[in-house]
């Protein structure tokens, strides 16, 4: 059976609020770690979210 093309990962806020998003990523297409500017509802502003391991 073939391996899955996508993996689940956690995008964690750099504002240290503990808020995170869960996203899928294809490691063949995007081999580097992801980072996005997204909305953090706890901090109530847009901050950078960096990829961490989903446990």
PDB file of N, CA and C in Angstrom:
ATOM      1  N   UNK A   1       0.833  -1.173   0.000  1.00  0.00           N
ATOM      2  CA  UNK A   1       0.000   0.000   0.000  1.00  0.00           C
ATOM      3  C   UNK A   1       0.888   1.250   0.000  1.00  0.00           C
ATOM      4  N   UNK A   2       0.480   2.252  -0.732  1.00  0.00           N
ATOM      5  CA  UNK A   2       1.277   3.466  -0.880  1.00  0.00           C
ATOM      6  C   UNK A   2       1.170   4.358   0.355  1.00  0.00           C
ATOM      7  N   UNK A   3       2.206   5.185   0.551  1.00  0.00           N
ATOM      8  CA  UNK A   3       2.199   6.149   1.641  1.00  0.00           C
ATOM      9  C   UNK A   3       1.313   7.342   1.271  1.00  0.00           C
ATOM     10  N   UNK A   4       0.800   8.026   2.268  1.00  0.00           N
ATOM     11  CA  UNK A   4       0.016   9.229   2.033  1.00  0.00           C
ATOM     12  C   UNK A   4       0.911  10.338   1.499  1.00  0.00           C
ATOM     13  N   UNK A   5       0.354  11.188   0.641  1.00  0.00           N
ATOM     14  CA  UNK A   5       1.119  12.308   0.110  1.00  0.00           C
ATOM     15  C   UNK A   5       1.134  13.487   1.067  1.00  0.00           C
ATOM     16  N   UNK A   6       0.155  13.576   1.965  1.00  0.00           N
ATOM     17  CA  UNK A   6       0.076  14.731   2.847  1.00  0.00           C
ATOM     18  C   UNK A   6       0.300  14.325   4.299  1.00  0.00           C
ATOM     19  N   UNK A   7       0.834  15.259   5.070  1.00  0.00           N
ATOM     20  CA  UNK A   7       0.997  15.059   6.504  1.00  0.00           C
ATOM     21  C   UNK A   7       0.281  16.202   7.212  1.00  0.00           C
ATOM     22  N   UNK A   8      -0.198  15.933   8.423  1.00  0.00           N
ATOM     23  CA  UNK A   8      -0.816  16.971   9.239  1.00  0.00           C
ATOM     24  C   UNK A   8       0.271  17.655  10.046  1.00  0.00           C
ATOM     25  N   UNK A   9       0.146  18.969  10.181  1.00  0.00           N
ATOM     26  CA  UNK A   9       1.097  19.715  10.986  1.00  0.00           C
ATOM     27  C   UNK A   9       0.375  20.790  11.769  1.00  0.00           C
ATOM     28  N   UNK A  10       1.059  21.331  12.751  1.00  0.00           N
ATOM     29  CA  UNK A  10       0.483  22.347  13.619  1.00  0.00           C
ATOM     30  C   UNK A  10       1.189  23.665  13.356  1.00  0.00           C
ATOM     31  N   UNK A  11       0.396  24.711  13.076  1.00  0.00           N
ATOM     32  CA  UNK A  11       0.931  26.059  12.926  1.00  0.00           C
ATOM     33  C   UNK A  11       0.681  26.778  14.245  1.00  0.00           C
ATOM     34  N   UNK A  12       1.756  27.037  14.996  1.00  0.00           N
ATOM     35  CA  UNK A  12       1.633  27.616  16.329  1.00  0.00           C
ATOM     36  C   UNK A  12       1.969  29.097  16.310  1.00  0.00           C
ATOM     37  N   UNK A  13       1.222  29.879  17.083  1.00  0.00           N
ATOM     38  CA  UNK A  13       1.378  31.326  17.126  1.00  0.00           C
ATOM     39  C   UNK A  13       2.708  31.710  17.758  1.00  0.00           C
ATOM     40  N   UNK A  14       3.351  32.736  17.197  1.00  0.00           N
ATOM     41  CA  UNK A  14       4.596  33.247  17.776  1.00  0.00           C
ATOM     42  C   UNK A  14       4.310  34.280  18.858  1.00  0.00           C
ATOM     43  N   UNK A  15       3.029  34.586  19.115  1.00  0.00           N
ATOM     44  CA  UNK A  15       2.659  35.530  20.171  1.00  0.00           C
ATOM     45  C   UNK A  15       2.573  34.844  21.532  1.00  0.00           C
ATOM     46  N   UNK A  16       2.912  33.562  21.605  1.00  0.00           N
ATOM     47  CA  UNK A  16       2.902  32.769  22.851  1.00  0.00           C
ATOM     48  C   UNK A  16       1.543  32.755  23.541  1.00  0.00           C
ATOM     49  N   UNK A  17       0.474  32.652  22.760  1.00  0.00           N
ATOM     50  CA  UNK A  17      -0.863  32.552  23.330  1.00  0.00           C
ATOM     51  C   UNK A  17      -1.314  31.103  23.433  1.00  0.00           C
ATOM     52  N   UNK A  18      -0.621  30.198  22.754  1.00  0.00           N
ATOM     53  CA  UNK A  18      -1.010  28.798  22.762  1.00  0.00           C
ATOM     54  C   UNK A  18      -2.001  28.448  21.665  1.00  0.00           C
ATOM     55  N   UNK A  19      -2.422  29.424  20.879  1.00  0.00           N
ATOM     56  CA  UNK A  19      -3.373  29.181  19.803  1.00  0.00           C
ATOM     57  C   UNK A  19      -2.642  28.573  18.608  1.00  0.00           C
ATOM     58  N   UNK A  20      -3.314  27.632  17.914  1.00  0.00           N
ATOM     59  CA  UNK A  20      -2.692  26.996  16.751  1.00  0.00           C
ATOM     60  C   UNK A  20      -3.743  26.626  15.725  1.00  0.00           C
ATOM     61  N   UNK A  21      -3.293  26.476  14.493  1.00  0.00           N
ATOM     62  CA  UNK A  21      -4.092  25.964  13.385  1.00  0.00           C
ATOM     63  C   UNK A  21      -3.524  24.611  12.987  1.00  0.00           C
ATOM     64  N   UNK A  22      -4.365  23.728  12.441  1.00  0.00           N
ATOM     65  CA  UNK A  22      -3.919  22.439  11.906  1.00  0.00           C
ATOM     66  C   UNK A  22      -4.051  22.516  10.395  1.00  0.00           C
ATOM     67  N   UNK A  23      -2.995  22.103   9.693  1.00  0.00           N
ATOM     68  CA  UNK A  23      -2.960  22.223   8.238  1.00  0.00           C
ATOM     69  C   UNK A  23      -2.321  20.975   7.641  1.00  0.00           C
ATOM     70  N   UNK A  24      -2.663  20.687   6.390  1.00  0.00           N
ATOM     71  CA  UNK A  24      -2.039  19.592   5.661  1.00  0.00           C
ATOM     72  C   UNK A  24      -0.921  20.139   4.776  1.00  0.00           C
ATOM     73  N   UNK A  25       0.129  19.334   4.595  1.00  0.00           N
ATOM     74  CA  UNK A  25       1.244  19.747   3.741  1.00  0.00           C
ATOM     75  C   UNK A  25       1.764  18.525   2.991  1.00  0.00           C
ATOM     76  N   UNK A  26       2.068  18.736   1.715  1.00  0.00           N
ATOM     77  CA  UNK A  26       2.695  17.698   0.914  1.00  0.00           C
ATOM     78  C   UNK A  26       4.206  17.886   1.024  1.00  0.00           C
ATOM     79  N   UNK A  27       4.915  16.958   1.690  1.00  0.00           N
ATOM     80  CA  UNK A  27       6.353  17.150   1.892  1.00  0.00           C
ATOM     81  C   UNK A  27       7.177  17.054   0.609  1.00  0.00           C
ATOM     82  N   UNK A  28       6.640  16.456  -0.426  1.00  0.00           N
ATOM     83  CA  UNK A  28       7.384  16.406  -1.696  1.00  0.00           C
ATOM     84  C   UNK A  28       7.331  17.754  -2.408  1.00  0.00           C
ATOM     85  N   UNK A  29       6.174  18.421  -2.320  1.00  0.00           N
ATOM     86  CA  UNK A  29       6.009  19.701  -2.995  1.00  0.00           C
ATOM     87  C   UNK A  29       6.591  20.852  -2.176  1.00  0.00           C
ATOM     88  N   UNK A  30       6.441  20.807  -0.837  1.00  0.00           N
ATOM     89  CA  UNK A  30       6.945  21.844   0.071  1.00  0.00           C
ATOM     90  C   UNK A  30       7.873  21.200   1.106  1.00  0.00           C
ATOM     91  N   UNK A  31       9.146  21.000   0.775  1.00  0.00           N
ATOM     92  CA  UNK A  31      10.042  20.310   1.703  1.00  0.00           C
ATOM     93  C   UNK A  31      10.452  21.165   2.911  1.00  0.00           C
ATOM     94  N   UNK A  32      10.366  22.500   2.795  1.00  0.00           N
ATOM     95  CA  UNK A  32      10.769  23.374   3.895  1.00  0.00           C
ATOM     96  C   UNK A  32       9.607  23.599   4.853  1.00  0.00           C
ATOM     97  N   UNK A  33       9.934  24.092   6.051  1.00  0.00           N
ATOM     98  CA  UNK A  33       8.890  24.386   7.033  1.00  0.00           C
ATOM     99  C   UNK A  33       8.072  25.591   6.593  1.00  0.00           C
ATOM    100  N   UNK A  34       6.781  25.568   6.932  1.00  0.00           N
ATOM    101  CA  UNK A  34       5.870  26.634   6.538  1.00  0.00           C
ATOM    102  C   UNK A  34       5.770  27.690   7.634  1.00  0.00           C
ATOM    103  N   UNK A  35       5.503  28.920   7.211  1.00  0.00           N
ATOM    104  CA  UNK A  35       5.157  29.986   8.149  1.00  0.00           C
ATOM    105  C   UNK A  35       4.206  30.931   7.436  1.00  0.00           C
ATOM    106  N   UNK A  36       3.150  31.336   8.146  1.00  0.00           N
ATOM    107  CA  UNK A  36       2.116  32.190   7.588  1.00  0.00           C
ATOM    108  C   UNK A  36       1.817  33.319   8.565  1.00  0.00           C
ATOM    109  N   UNK A  37       1.313  34.425   8.034  1.00  0.00           N
ATOM    110  CA  UNK A  37       0.737  35.471   8.873  1.00  0.00           C
ATOM    111  C   UNK A  37      -0.760  35.231   8.895  1.00  0.00           C
ATOM    112  N   UNK A  38      -1.279  34.879  10.076  1.00  0.00           N
ATOM    113  CA  UNK A  38      -2.693  34.578  10.222  1.00  0.00           C
ATOM    114  C   UNK A  38      -3.217  35.273  11.477  1.00  0.00           C
ATOM    115  N   UNK A  39      -4.537  35.229  11.644  1.00  0.00           N
ATOM    116  CA  UNK A  39      -5.182  35.907  12.764  1.00  0.00           C
ATOM    117  C   UNK A  39      -5.132  35.054  14.024  1.00  0.00           C
ATOM    118  N   UNK A  40      -4.706  35.657  15.116  1.00  0.00           N
ATOM    119  CA  UNK A  40      -4.711  35.013  16.428  1.00  0.00           C
ATOM    120  C   UNK A  40      -5.845  35.639  17.247  1.00  0.00           C
ATOM    121  N   UNK A  41      -6.941  34.908  17.502  1.00  0.00           N
ATOM    122  CA  UNK A  41      -8.083  35.503  18.206  1.00  0.00           C
ATOM    123  C   UNK A  41      -7.789  35.817  19.668  1.00  0.00           C
ATOM    124  N   UNK A  42      -6.819  35.170  20.277  1.00  0.00           N
ATOM    125  CA  UNK A  42      -6.491  35.456  21.672  1.00  0.00           C
ATOM    126  C   UNK A  42      -5.728  36.775  21.766  1.00  0.00           C
ATOM    127  N   UNK A  43      -4.761  36.979  20.864  1.00  0.00           N
ATOM    128  CA  UNK A  43      -4.013  38.234  20.821  1.00  0.00           C
ATOM    129  C   UNK A  43      -4.798  39.327  20.093  1.00  0.00           C
ATOM    130  N   UNK A  44      -5.830  38.933  19.345  1.00  0.00           N
ATOM    131  CA  UNK A  44      -6.699  39.819  18.567  1.00  0.00           C
ATOM    132  C   UNK A  44      -5.924  40.655  17.552  1.00  0.00           C
ATOM    133  N   UNK A  45      -4.969  39.985  16.855  1.00  0.00           N
ATOM    134  CA  UNK A  45      -4.252  40.634  15.758  1.00  0.00           C
ATOM    135  C   UNK A  45      -3.606  39.559  14.888  1.00  0.00           C
ATOM    136  N   UNK A  46      -3.094  39.970  13.737  1.00  0.00           N
ATOM    137  CA  UNK A  46      -2.394  39.055  12.840  1.00  0.00           C
ATOM    138  C   UNK A  46      -0.957  38.909  13.314  1.00  0.00           C
ATOM    139  N   UNK A  47      -0.531  37.672  13.487  1.00  0.00           N
ATOM    140  CA  UNK A  47       0.846  37.372  13.888  1.00  0.00           C
ATOM    141  C   UNK A  47       1.362  36.243  13.007  1.00  0.00           C
ATOM    142  N   UNK A  48       2.644  35.983  13.092  1.00  0.00           N
ATOM    143  CA  UNK A  48       3.241  34.900  12.313  1.00  0.00           C
ATOM    144  C   UNK A  48       3.011  33.573  13.022  1.00  0.00           C
ATOM    145  N   UNK A  49       2.642  32.567  12.248  1.00  0.00           N
ATOM    146  CA  UNK A  49       2.457  31.208  12.740  1.00  0.00           C
ATOM    147  C   UNK A  49       3.531  30.341  12.099  1.00  0.00           C
ATOM    148  N   UNK A  50       4.249  29.569  12.917  1.00  0.00           N
ATOM    149  CA  UNK A  50       5.320  28.716  12.412  1.00  0.00           C
ATOM    150  C   UNK A  50       4.952  27.251  12.609  1.00  0.00           C
ATOM    151  N   UNK A  51       5.484  26.430  11.748  1.00  0.00           N
ATOM    152  CA  UNK A  51       5.187  25.001  11.756  1.00  0.00           C
ATOM    153  C   UNK A  51       5.883  24.311  12.910  1.00  0.00           C
ATOM    154  N   UNK A  52       5.117  23.496  13.640  1.00  0.00           N
ATOM    155  CA  UNK A  52       5.663  22.626  14.670  1.00  0.00           C
ATOM    156  C   UNK A  52       5.060  21.240  14.476  1.00  0.00           C
ATOM    157  N   UNK A  53       5.577  20.274  15.197  1.00  0.00           N
ATOM    158  CA  UNK A  53       5.117  18.913  15.051  1.00  0.00           C
ATOM    159  C   UNK A  53       3.782  18.711  15.757  1.00  0.00           C
ATOM    160  N   UNK A  54       2.865  18.035  15.102  1.00  0.00           N
ATOM    161  CA  UNK A  54       1.559  17.705  15.686  1.00  0.00           C
ATOM    162  C   UNK A  54       1.707  16.405  16.442  1.00  0.00           C
ATOM    163  N   UNK A  55       1.395  16.416  17.735  1.00  0.00           N
ATOM    164  CA  UNK A  55       1.570  15.213  18.554  1.00  0.00           C
ATOM    165  C   UNK A  55       0.300  14.434  18.654  1.00  0.00           C
TER     166      UNK A  55
END
